[in-house]
Amino acid sequence: MAAYLRPQRLDEALNALVRPHTVLAGGTDFYPARVGRPITEDVLDVSAIAELRGISTDAQGWRLGATATWSELVEADLPPLFDGLKQAAREVGGRQIQNAGTLAGNLCNASPAADGVPCLLALGAEIEVAGRGGRRRVPLRQFITGVRRTSLAVDELVTAIHVPRPLHEARSGFLKLGARRYLVISIAMVAATLEVADGRVASAAIAVGACSPVAERLPALEAALAGAALDARLADRVEAAHLAPLAPIDDIRGSAAYRSGAVLALVRRLLGGFAT
């Protein structure tokens, strides 16, 4: 018979993981995957652990608690650096899903079309992981290792997401293409974070999701944007060759060729929105 545990302390949860459990937070992926069949695995519900909640800041940056929800993120008092992540949060399912779904759950599910991943990748996020032996931080790009795969050990939990404070004034944005405006899995999506100094791009981070097994940064484009004036010509710097890290596939939502063309258009449109 399957066991269900809902501890209130992190150490209790970590002690429970001496044997395998399926970790449950918001449940927005867990329950739909089990419709029509009994739950046979042991479940560890981490939603009652206070240490995993909340959004806070210090001199180094921001800490997003693992069980902070998309709705909490949208309502949080955060600078323009987080505008892109907030835009993505508003498109993660409907309002009920946003109220229940968690930031860390979106990462641990490791879907190629996870809306939060490109934004956090473009923010340089690190994932805080806890086990009985201590804590460690992992860059997001190293945390998600493939489709539905992460570097998380079976006896570890994600406790927080850390976003570093940029060196300059920074803004971010997000665009998603789907078969309709809301309540849809992405065909392609793009996130960008630009640091700006004296009206020019001091540094850029561009990430694309749903076009590779994991979301990918576009380093050649980032280099091409460095030093560019923040004007209407910014989008003109984007070239098809900049999409080389991507590996789009044909599936029910779109062909690889369609995705490649869509990403090019999305990146140009997103960068055009930064123009002053």
C-alpha atoms as a PDB file:
ATOM      1  CA  MET A   1       0.000   0.000   0.000  1.00  0.00           C
ATOM      2  CA  ALA A   2       1.366   3.432  -0.959  1.00  0.00           C
ATOM      3  CA  ALA A   3       2.399   5.796   1.833  1.00  0.00           C
ATOM      4  CA  TYR A   4       1.641   9.536   1.935  1.00  0.00           C
ATOM      5  CA  LEU A   5       3.827  11.855   4.026  1.00  0.00           C
ATOM      6  CA  ARG A   6       3.402  15.616   4.551  1.00  0.00           C
ATOM      7  CA  PRO A   7       6.202  16.785   6.854  1.00  0.00           C
ATOM      8  CA  GLN A   8       6.451  20.330   8.195  1.00  0.00           C
ATOM      9  CA  ARG A   9      10.260  20.435   8.468  1.00  0.00           C
ATOM     10  CA  LEU A  10      12.919  20.016   5.812  1.00  0.00           C
ATOM     11  CA  ASP A  11      14.945  17.546   7.859  1.00  0.00           C
ATOM     12  CA  GLU A  12      11.897  15.293   8.172  1.00  0.00           C
ATOM     13  CA  ALA A  13      11.464  15.316   4.406  1.00  0.00           C
ATOM     14  CA  LEU A  14      15.134  14.526   3.773  1.00  0.00           C
ATOM     15  CA  ASN A  15      15.047  11.685   6.282  1.00  0.00           C
ATOM     16  CA  ALA A  16      12.027  10.221   4.485  1.00  0.00           C
ATOM     17  CA  LEU A  17      14.045  10.117   1.257  1.00  0.00           C
ATOM     18  CA  VAL A  18      16.256   7.334   2.563  1.00  0.00           C
ATOM     19  CA  ARG A  19      13.816   5.282   0.527  1.00  0.00           C
ATOM     20  CA  PRO A  20      12.333   6.422  -2.795  1.00  0.00           C
ATOM     21  CA  HIS A  21       9.329   8.753  -2.805  1.00  0.00           C
ATOM     22  CA  THR A  22       7.643  10.748  -5.526  1.00  0.00           C
ATOM     23  CA  VAL A  23       7.880  14.375  -4.428  1.00  0.00           C
ATOM     24  CA  LEU A  24       4.642  16.361  -4.604  1.00  0.00           C
ATOM     25  CA  ALA A  25       4.399  20.160  -4.384  1.00  0.00           C
ATOM     26  CA  GLY A  26       1.594  21.863  -6.348  1.00  0.00           C
ATOM     27  CA  GLY A  27       0.513  18.612  -7.994  1.00  0.00           C
ATOM     28  CA  THR A  28      -0.317  20.227 -11.346  1.00  0.00           C
ATOM     29  CA  ASP A  29       1.757  17.626 -13.220  1.00  0.00           C
ATOM     30  CA  PHE A  30       1.443  14.785 -10.710  1.00  0.00           C
ATOM     31  CA  TYR A  31      -2.336  14.367 -10.737  1.00  0.00           C
ATOM     32  CA  PRO A  32      -3.041  14.699 -14.503  1.00  0.00           C
ATOM     33  CA  ALA A  33      -0.408  12.014 -15.178  1.00  0.00           C
ATOM     34  CA  ARG A  34      -2.330   9.569 -12.967  1.00  0.00           C
ATOM     35  CA  VAL A  35      -5.921  10.080 -14.037  1.00  0.00           C
ATOM     36  CA  GLY A  36      -7.815   6.789 -14.109  1.00  0.00           C
ATOM     37  CA  ARG A  37      -5.276   4.722 -12.213  1.00  0.00           C
ATOM     38  CA  PRO A  38      -4.431   4.258  -8.536  1.00  0.00           C
ATOM     39  CA  ILE A  39      -1.384   5.922  -6.977  1.00  0.00           C
ATOM     40  CA  THR A  40       0.962   3.062  -6.167  1.00  0.00           C
ATOM     41  CA  GLU A  41       4.177   4.926  -5.321  1.00  0.00           C
ATOM     42  CA  ASP A  42       5.043   6.459  -1.955  1.00  0.00           C
ATOM     43  CA  VAL A  43       4.396  10.211  -1.993  1.00  0.00           C
ATOM     44  CA  LEU A  44       6.288  12.952  -0.134  1.00  0.00           C
ATOM     45  CA  ASP A  45       4.224  16.162  -0.066  1.00  0.00           C
ATOM     46  CA  VAL A  46       6.545  19.129   0.621  1.00  0.00           C
ATOM     47  CA  SER A  47       3.857  21.832   0.520  1.00  0.00           C
ATOM     48  CA  ALA A  48       3.769  22.273   4.324  1.00  0.00           C
ATOM     49  CA  ILE A  49       7.497  23.020   4.746  1.00  0.00           C
ATOM     50  CA  ALA A  50       7.756  26.728   5.607  1.00  0.00           C
ATOM     51  CA  GLU A  51      11.451  26.931   4.634  1.00  0.00           C
ATOM     52  CA  LEU A  52      10.586  26.213   1.002  1.00  0.00           C
ATOM     53  CA  ARG A  53       8.175  29.150   0.660  1.00  0.00           C
ATOM     54  CA  GLY A  54       8.518  32.834  -0.052  1.00  0.00           C
ATOM     55  CA  ILE A  55      10.475  35.283  -2.190  1.00  0.00           C
ATOM     56  CA  SER A  56      13.223  37.383  -0.620  1.00  0.00           C
ATOM     57  CA  THR A  57      16.210  39.534  -1.567  1.00  0.00           C
ATOM     58  CA  ASP A  58      19.627  40.515  -0.248  1.00  0.00           C
ATOM     59  CA  ALA A  59      22.769  42.203  -1.549  1.00  0.00           C
ATOM     60  CA  GLN A  60      23.657  39.201  -3.749  1.00  0.00           C
ATOM     61  CA  GLY A  61      20.272  38.789  -5.442  1.00  0.00           C
ATOM     62  CA  TRP A  62      16.923  37.101  -4.985  1.00  0.00           C
ATOM     63  CA  ARG A  63      15.823  33.827  -3.430  1.00  0.00           C
ATOM     64  CA  LEU A  64      12.688  32.224  -4.881  1.00  0.00           C
ATOM     65  CA  GLY A  65      11.470  29.494  -2.556  1.00  0.00           C
ATOM     66  CA  ALA A  66      10.956  26.104  -4.172  1.00  0.00           C
ATOM     67  CA  THR A  67       7.218  26.033  -3.399  1.00  0.00           C
ATOM     68  CA  ALA A  68       6.563  29.672  -4.291  1.00  0.00           C
ATOM     69  CA  THR A  69       3.694  29.622  -6.791  1.00  0.00           C
ATOM     70  CA  TRP A  70       3.356  31.382 -10.117  1.00  0.00           C
ATOM     71  CA  SER A  71       0.649  33.628  -8.660  1.00  0.00           C
ATOM     72  CA  GLU A  72       2.928  34.628  -5.780  1.00  0.00           C
ATOM     73  CA  LEU A  73       5.657  35.481  -8.266  1.00  0.00           C
ATOM     74  CA  VAL A  74       3.323  37.695 -10.312  1.00  0.00           C
ATOM     75  CA  GLU A  75       2.178  39.542  -7.191  1.00  0.00           C
ATOM     76  CA  ALA A  76       5.680  39.963  -5.708  1.00  0.00           C
ATOM     77  CA  ASP A  77       7.364  43.373  -5.662  1.00  0.00           C
ATOM     78  CA  LEU A  78      10.228  42.656  -8.060  1.00  0.00           C
ATOM     79  CA  PRO A  79      12.276  44.912 -10.402  1.00  0.00           C
ATOM     80  CA  PRO A  80      12.022  44.952 -14.237  1.00  0.00           C
ATOM     81  CA  LEU A  81      14.683  42.218 -14.270  1.00  0.00           C
ATOM     82  CA  PHE A  82      11.822  39.805 -13.522  1.00  0.00           C
ATOM     83  CA  ASP A  83       9.311  41.108 -16.085  1.00  0.00           C
ATOM     84  CA  GLY A  84       9.989  38.201 -18.449  1.00  0.00           C
ATOM     85  CA  LEU A  85       9.507  35.579 -15.746  1.00  0.00           C
ATOM     86  CA  LYS A  86       6.287  37.286 -14.686  1.00  0.00           C
ATOM     87  CA  GLN A  87       5.082  37.252 -18.301  1.00  0.00           C
ATOM     88  CA  ALA A  88       5.753  33.517 -18.444  1.00  0.00           C
ATOM     89  CA  ALA A  89       3.994  33.011 -15.107  1.00  0.00           C
ATOM     90  CA  ARG A  90       0.804  34.535 -16.515  1.00  0.00           C
ATOM     91  CA  GLU A  91       0.810  31.922 -19.294  1.00  0.00           C
ATOM     92  CA  VAL A  92       1.390  28.797 -17.166  1.00  0.00           C
ATOM     93  CA  GLY A  93      -2.053  27.248 -17.527  1.00  0.00           C
ATOM     94  CA  GLY A  94      -5.105  28.990 -16.093  1.00  0.00           C
ATOM     95  CA  ARG A  95      -5.457  30.882 -12.842  1.00  0.00           C
ATOM     96  CA  GLN A  96      -6.085  27.695 -10.839  1.00  0.00           C
ATOM     97  CA  ILE A  97      -2.834  26.186 -12.123  1.00  0.00           C
ATOM     98  CA  GLN A  98      -0.937  29.400 -11.389  1.00  0.00           C
ATOM     99  CA  ASN A  99      -2.282  29.379  -7.822  1.00  0.00           C
ATOM    100  CA  ALA A 100      -1.081  25.811  -7.195  1.00  0.00           C
ATOM    101  CA  GLY A 101       1.876  25.211  -9.520  1.00  0.00           C
ATOM    102  CA  THR A 102       5.330  25.872  -8.082  1.00  0.00           C
ATOM    103  CA  LEU A 103       8.498  27.289  -9.578  1.00  0.00           C
ATOM    104  CA  ALA A 104      10.639  24.322  -8.577  1.00  0.00           C
ATOM    105  CA  GLY A 105       8.032  21.861  -9.794  1.00  0.00           C
ATOM    106  CA  ASN A 106       8.282  23.392 -13.262  1.00  0.00           C
ATOM    107  CA  LEU A 107      12.042  22.798 -13.215  1.00  0.00           C
ATOM    108  CA  CYS A 108      11.967  19.301 -11.731  1.00  0.00           C
ATOM    109  CA  ASN A 109       9.382  18.181 -14.271  1.00  0.00           C
ATOM    110  CA  ALA A 110      12.049  19.003 -16.884  1.00  0.00           C
ATOM    111  CA  SER A 111       9.723  19.344 -19.850  1.00  0.00           C
ATOM    112  CA  PRO A 112      11.351  20.828 -22.978  1.00  0.00           C
ATOM    113  CA  ALA A 113       8.327  23.167 -23.088  1.00  0.00           C
ATOM    114  CA  ALA A 114       8.449  24.311 -19.431  1.00  0.00           C
ATOM    115  CA  ASP A 115       7.614  28.010 -19.621  1.00  0.00           C
ATOM    116  CA  GLY A 116       9.739  29.084 -16.662  1.00  0.00           C
ATOM    117  CA  VAL A 117      12.998  27.516 -17.783  1.00  0.00           C
ATOM    118  CA  PRO A 118      14.102  29.910 -20.582  1.00  0.00           C
ATOM    119  CA  CYS A 119      13.392  32.916 -18.359  1.00  0.00           C
ATOM    120  CA  LEU A 120      15.368  31.534 -15.435  1.00  0.00           C
ATOM    121  CA  LEU A 121      18.150  30.460 -17.787  1.00  0.00           C
ATOM    122  CA  ALA A 122      18.362  34.019 -19.117  1.00  0.00           C
ATOM    123  CA  LEU A 123      18.475  35.271 -15.519  1.00  0.00           C
ATOM    124  CA  GLY A 124      21.517  33.119 -14.736  1.00  0.00           C
ATOM    125  CA  ALA A 125      19.590  31.193 -12.085  1.00  0.00           C
ATOM    126  CA  GLU A 126      21.175  28.654  -9.777  1.00  0.00           C
ATOM    127  CA  ILE A 127      19.255  25.840  -8.120  1.00  0.00           C
ATOM    128  CA  GLU A 128      19.728  25.227  -4.401  1.00  0.00           C
ATOM    129  CA  VAL A 129      19.578  21.532  -3.581  1.00  0.00           C
ATOM    130  CA  ALA A 130      19.511  19.945  -0.123  1.00  0.00           C
ATOM    131  CA  GLY A 131      20.340  16.406   0.972  1.00  0.00           C
ATOM    132  CA  ARG A 132      21.135  14.862   4.320  1.00  0.00           C
ATOM    133  CA  GLY A 133      24.812  15.569   3.629  1.00  0.00           C
ATOM    134  CA  GLY A 134      24.297  19.312   3.131  1.00  0.00           C
ATOM    135  CA  ARG A 135      23.384  21.806   0.426  1.00  0.00           C
ATOM    136  CA  ARG A 136      24.779  22.655  -2.972  1.00  0.00           C
ATOM    137  CA  ARG A 137      24.024  25.076  -5.782  1.00  0.00           C
ATOM    138  CA  VAL A 138      23.810  24.005  -9.407  1.00  0.00           C
ATOM    139  CA  PRO A 139      23.550  26.313 -12.458  1.00  0.00           C
ATOM    140  CA  LEU A 140      20.174  25.731 -14.088  1.00  0.00           C
ATOM    141  CA  ARG A 141      21.815  24.591 -17.352  1.00  0.00           C
ATOM    142  CA  GLN A 142      23.510  21.769 -15.429  1.00  0.00           C
ATOM    143  CA  PHE A 143      20.448  20.964 -13.324  1.00  0.00           C
ATOM    144  CA  ILE A 144      18.177  19.980 -16.237  1.00  0.00           C
ATOM    145  CA  THR A 145      20.084  17.295 -18.140  1.00  0.00           C
ATOM    146  CA  GLY A 146      17.510  16.074 -20.687  1.00  0.00           C
ATOM    147  CA  VAL A 147      13.847  15.423 -21.369  1.00  0.00           C
ATOM    148  CA  ARG A 148      12.278  14.704 -17.943  1.00  0.00           C
ATOM    149  CA  ARG A 149      15.761  14.327 -16.436  1.00  0.00           C
ATOM    150  CA  THR A 150      17.615  16.382 -13.837  1.00  0.00           C
ATOM    151  CA  SER A 151      20.818  16.058 -11.832  1.00  0.00           C
ATOM    152  CA  LEU A 152      18.785  15.718  -8.627  1.00  0.00           C
ATOM    153  CA  ALA A 153      19.689  12.586  -6.648  1.00  0.00           C
ATOM    154  CA  VAL A 154      16.872  10.418  -5.300  1.00  0.00           C
ATOM    155  CA  ASP A 155      17.612  11.577  -1.749  1.00  0.00           C
ATOM    156  CA  GLU A 156      17.717  15.324  -2.555  1.00  0.00           C
ATOM    157  CA  LEU A 157      15.147  18.117  -2.751  1.00  0.00           C
ATOM    158  CA  VAL A 158      15.181  21.491  -4.471  1.00  0.00           C
ATOM    159  CA  THR A 159      14.894  24.140  -1.756  1.00  0.00           C
ATOM    160  CA  ALA A 160      15.199  27.406  -3.700  1.00  0.00           C
ATOM    161  CA  ILE A 161      16.084  29.180  -6.932  1.00  0.00           C
ATOM    162  CA  HIS A 162      18.688  31.953  -6.718  1.00  0.00           C
ATOM    163  CA  VAL A 163      18.873  34.831  -9.199  1.00  0.00           C
ATOM    164  CA  PRO A 164      22.038  36.965  -8.995  1.00  0.00           C
ATOM    165  CA  ARG A 165      21.876  40.750  -8.909  1.00  0.00           C
ATOM    166  CA  PRO A 166      23.069  42.178 -12.270  1.00  0.00           C
ATOM    167  CA  LEU A 167      25.943  44.633 -12.532  1.00  0.00           C
ATOM    168  CA  HIS A 168      23.863  47.187 -14.455  1.00  0.00           C
ATOM    169  CA  GLU A 169      20.246  48.212 -14.819  1.00  0.00           C
ATOM    170  CA  ALA A 170      18.488  45.210 -16.353  1.00  0.00           C
ATOM    171  CA  ARG A 171      15.204  44.314 -18.033  1.00  0.00           C
ATOM    172  CA  SER A 172      13.800  41.050 -19.308  1.00  0.00           C
ATOM    173  CA  GLY A 173      11.046  39.836 -21.599  1.00  0.00           C
ATOM    174  CA  PHE A 174       9.330  36.652 -22.756  1.00  0.00           C
ATOM    175  CA  LEU A 175       7.374  35.592 -25.840  1.00  0.00           C
ATOM    176  CA  LYS A 176       5.600  32.304 -26.383  1.00  0.00           C
ATOM    177  CA  LEU A 177       4.043  30.832 -29.531  1.00  0.00           C
ATOM    178  CA  GLY A 178       1.227  28.316 -29.190  1.00  0.00           C
ATOM    179  CA  ALA A 179      -1.810  27.147 -31.093  1.00  0.00           C
ATOM    180  CA  ARG A 180      -3.809  29.718 -29.090  1.00  0.00           C
ATOM    181  CA  ARG A 181      -3.050  32.548 -26.662  1.00  0.00           C
ATOM    182  CA  TYR A 182      -3.461  30.735 -23.334  1.00  0.00           C
ATOM    183  CA  LEU A 183      -3.784  27.217 -21.870  1.00  0.00           C
ATOM    184  CA  VAL A 184      -1.473  25.695 -24.440  1.00  0.00           C
ATOM    185  CA  ILE A 185       1.890  23.938 -24.627  1.00  0.00           C
ATOM    186  CA  SER A 186       4.518  26.041 -26.381  1.00  0.00           C
ATOM    187  CA  ILE A 187       5.547  25.488 -29.982  1.00  0.00           C
ATOM    188  CA  ALA A 188       8.474  27.812 -29.313  1.00  0.00           C
ATOM    189  CA  MET A 189       9.347  30.429 -26.691  1.00  0.00           C
ATOM    190  CA  VAL A 190      12.073  32.981 -26.157  1.00  0.00           C
ATOM    191  CA  ALA A 191      13.339  34.833 -23.089  1.00  0.00           C
ATOM    192  CA  ALA A 192      15.827  37.683 -22.993  1.00  0.00           C
ATOM    193  CA  THR A 193      17.598  39.604 -20.243  1.00  0.00           C
ATOM    194  CA  LEU A 194      19.465  42.767 -21.200  1.00  0.00           C
ATOM    195  CA  GLU A 195      21.755  44.758 -18.925  1.00  0.00           C
ATOM    196  CA  VAL A 196      21.941  48.367 -20.108  1.00  0.00           C
ATOM    197  CA  ALA A 197      24.520  51.112 -19.540  1.00  0.00           C
ATOM    198  CA  ASP A 198      24.561  54.525 -21.263  1.00  0.00           C
ATOM    199  CA  GLY A 199      21.839  53.481 -23.683  1.00  0.00           C
ATOM    200  CA  ARG A 200      23.728  50.423 -24.897  1.00  0.00           C
ATOM    201  CA  VAL A 201      23.609  46.687 -24.196  1.00  0.00           C
ATOM    202  CA  ALA A 202      26.213  45.949 -21.538  1.00  0.00           C
ATOM    203  CA  SER A 203      25.400  42.241 -21.639  1.00  0.00           C
ATOM    204  CA  ALA A 204      22.674  40.012 -23.026  1.00  0.00           C
ATOM    205  CA  ALA A 205      21.289  36.586 -22.231  1.00  0.00           C
ATOM    206  CA  ILE A 206      18.930  34.970 -24.747  1.00  0.00           C
ATOM    207  CA  ALA A 207      17.322  31.562 -24.159  1.00  0.00           C
ATOM    208  CA  VAL A 208      14.970  29.473 -26.293  1.00  0.00           C
ATOM    209  CA  GLY A 209      12.625  26.727 -25.113  1.00  0.00           C
ATOM    210  CA  ALA A 210      10.580  23.986 -26.810  1.00  0.00           C
ATOM    211  CA  CYS A 211      13.148  23.766 -29.627  1.00  0.00           C
ATOM    212  CA  SER A 212      15.652  21.361 -28.040  1.00  0.00           C
ATOM    213  CA  PRO A 213      15.642  18.584 -25.435  1.00  0.00           C
ATOM    214  CA  VAL A 214      16.507  21.319 -22.915  1.00  0.00           C
ATOM    215  CA  ALA A 215      16.232  25.095 -23.202  1.00  0.00           C
ATOM    216  CA  GLU A 216      19.331  26.598 -24.794  1.00  0.00           C
ATOM    217  CA  ARG A 217      21.160  29.916 -24.588  1.00  0.00           C
ATOM    218  CA  LEU A 218      22.276  31.599 -27.840  1.00  0.00           C
ATOM    219  CA  PRO A 219      25.870  32.719 -27.079  1.00  0.00           C
ATOM    220  CA  ALA A 220      26.705  33.957 -30.584  1.00  0.00           C
ATOM    221  CA  LEU A 221      23.673  36.251 -30.557  1.00  0.00           C
ATOM    222  CA  GLU A 222      24.518  37.417 -27.047  1.00  0.00           C
ATOM    223  CA  ALA A 223      27.985  38.389 -28.245  1.00  0.00           C
ATOM    224  CA  ALA A 224      26.541  40.164 -31.288  1.00  0.00           C
ATOM    225  CA  LEU A 225      24.278  42.271 -29.075  1.00  0.00           C
ATOM    226  CA  ALA A 226      27.021  43.423 -26.692  1.00  0.00           C
ATOM    227  CA  GLY A 227      27.640  47.148 -27.122  1.00  0.00           C
ATOM    228  CA  ALA A 228      24.647  47.643 -29.440  1.00  0.00           C
ATOM    229  CA  ALA A 229      22.509  50.746 -29.059  1.00  0.00           C
ATOM    230  CA  LEU A 230      19.136  50.090 -27.507  1.00  0.00           C
ATOM    231  CA  ASP A 231      17.170  51.289 -30.534  1.00  0.00           C
ATOM    232  CA  ALA A 232      14.956  49.955 -33.316  1.00  0.00           C
ATOM    233  CA  ARG A 233      17.949  48.392 -35.105  1.00  0.00           C
ATOM    234  CA  LEU A 234      18.664  46.012 -32.243  1.00  0.00           C
ATOM    235  CA  ALA A 235      16.477  43.278 -33.761  1.00  0.00           C
ATOM    236  CA  ASP A 236      18.349  43.575 -37.079  1.00  0.00           C
ATOM    237  CA  ARG A 237      21.404  41.969 -35.457  1.00  0.00           C
ATOM    238  CA  VAL A 238      19.620  38.610 -35.201  1.00  0.00           C
ATOM    239  CA  GLU A 239      20.691  36.097 -37.865  1.00  0.00           C
ATOM    240  CA  ALA A 240      19.583  32.534 -38.577  1.00  0.00           C
ATOM    241  CA  ALA A 241      23.124  31.328 -37.798  1.00  0.00           C
ATOM    242  CA  HIS A 242      22.653  32.462 -34.204  1.00  0.00           C
ATOM    243  CA  LEU A 243      20.144  29.604 -33.726  1.00  0.00           C
ATOM    244  CA  ALA A 244      22.810  26.906 -34.203  1.00  0.00           C
ATOM    245  CA  PRO A 245      22.537  25.541 -30.605  1.00  0.00           C
ATOM    246  CA  LEU A 246      18.896  24.571 -31.171  1.00  0.00           C
ATOM    247  CA  ALA A 247      17.653  21.146 -32.288  1.00  0.00           C
ATOM    248  CA  PRO A 248      13.936  21.508 -33.097  1.00  0.00           C
ATOM    249  CA  ILE A 249      11.880  18.415 -33.871  1.00  0.00           C
ATOM    250  CA  ASP A 250       8.753  17.572 -35.831  1.00  0.00           C
ATOM    251  CA  ASP A 251       5.781  16.848 -33.580  1.00  0.00           C
ATOM    252  CA  ILE A 252       2.022  17.337 -33.421  1.00  0.00           C
ATOM    253  CA  ARG A 253       2.429  21.034 -32.589  1.00  0.00           C
ATOM    254  CA  GLY A 254       4.737  21.957 -35.471  1.00  0.00           C
ATOM    255  CA  SER A 255       7.555  20.898 -37.767  1.00  0.00           C
ATOM    256  CA  ALA A 256      11.222  21.535 -37.111  1.00  0.00           C
ATOM    257  CA  ALA A 257      11.347  23.967 -40.034  1.00  0.00           C
ATOM    258  CA  TYR A 258       8.341  25.875 -38.720  1.00  0.00           C
ATOM    259  CA  ARG A 259       9.898  26.105 -35.262  1.00  0.00           C
ATOM    260  CA  SER A 260      13.165  27.447 -36.671  1.00  0.00           C
ATOM    261  CA  GLY A 261      11.365  30.189 -38.564  1.00  0.00           C
ATOM    262  CA  ALA A 262       9.147  30.957 -35.592  1.00  0.00           C
ATOM    263  CA  VAL A 263      12.080  31.300 -33.208  1.00  0.00           C
ATOM    264  CA  LEU A 264      13.841  33.721 -35.541  1.00  0.00           C
ATOM    265  CA  ALA A 265      10.712  35.874 -35.676  1.00  0.00           C
ATOM    266  CA  LEU A 266      10.139  35.637 -31.920  1.00  0.00           C
ATOM    267  CA  VAL A 267      13.694  36.678 -31.047  1.00  0.00           C
ATOM    268  CA  ARG A 268      13.521  39.683 -33.379  1.00  0.00           C
ATOM    269  CA  ARG A 269      10.114  40.686 -32.039  1.00  0.00           C
ATOM    270  CA  LEU A 270      11.222  40.353 -28.431  1.00  0.00           C
ATOM    271  CA  LEU A 271      14.382  42.399 -28.939  1.00  0.00           C
ATOM    272  CA  GLY A 272      12.396  45.019 -30.829  1.00  0.00           C
ATOM    273  CA  GLY A 273      10.339  45.501 -27.698  1.00  0.00           C
ATOM    274  CA  PHE A 274      13.428  46.621 -25.764  1.00  0.00           C
ATOM    275  CA  ALA A 275      14.054  49.566 -28.072  1.00  0.00           C
ATOM    276  CA  THR A 276      13.878  52.995 -26.424  1.00  0.00           C
END
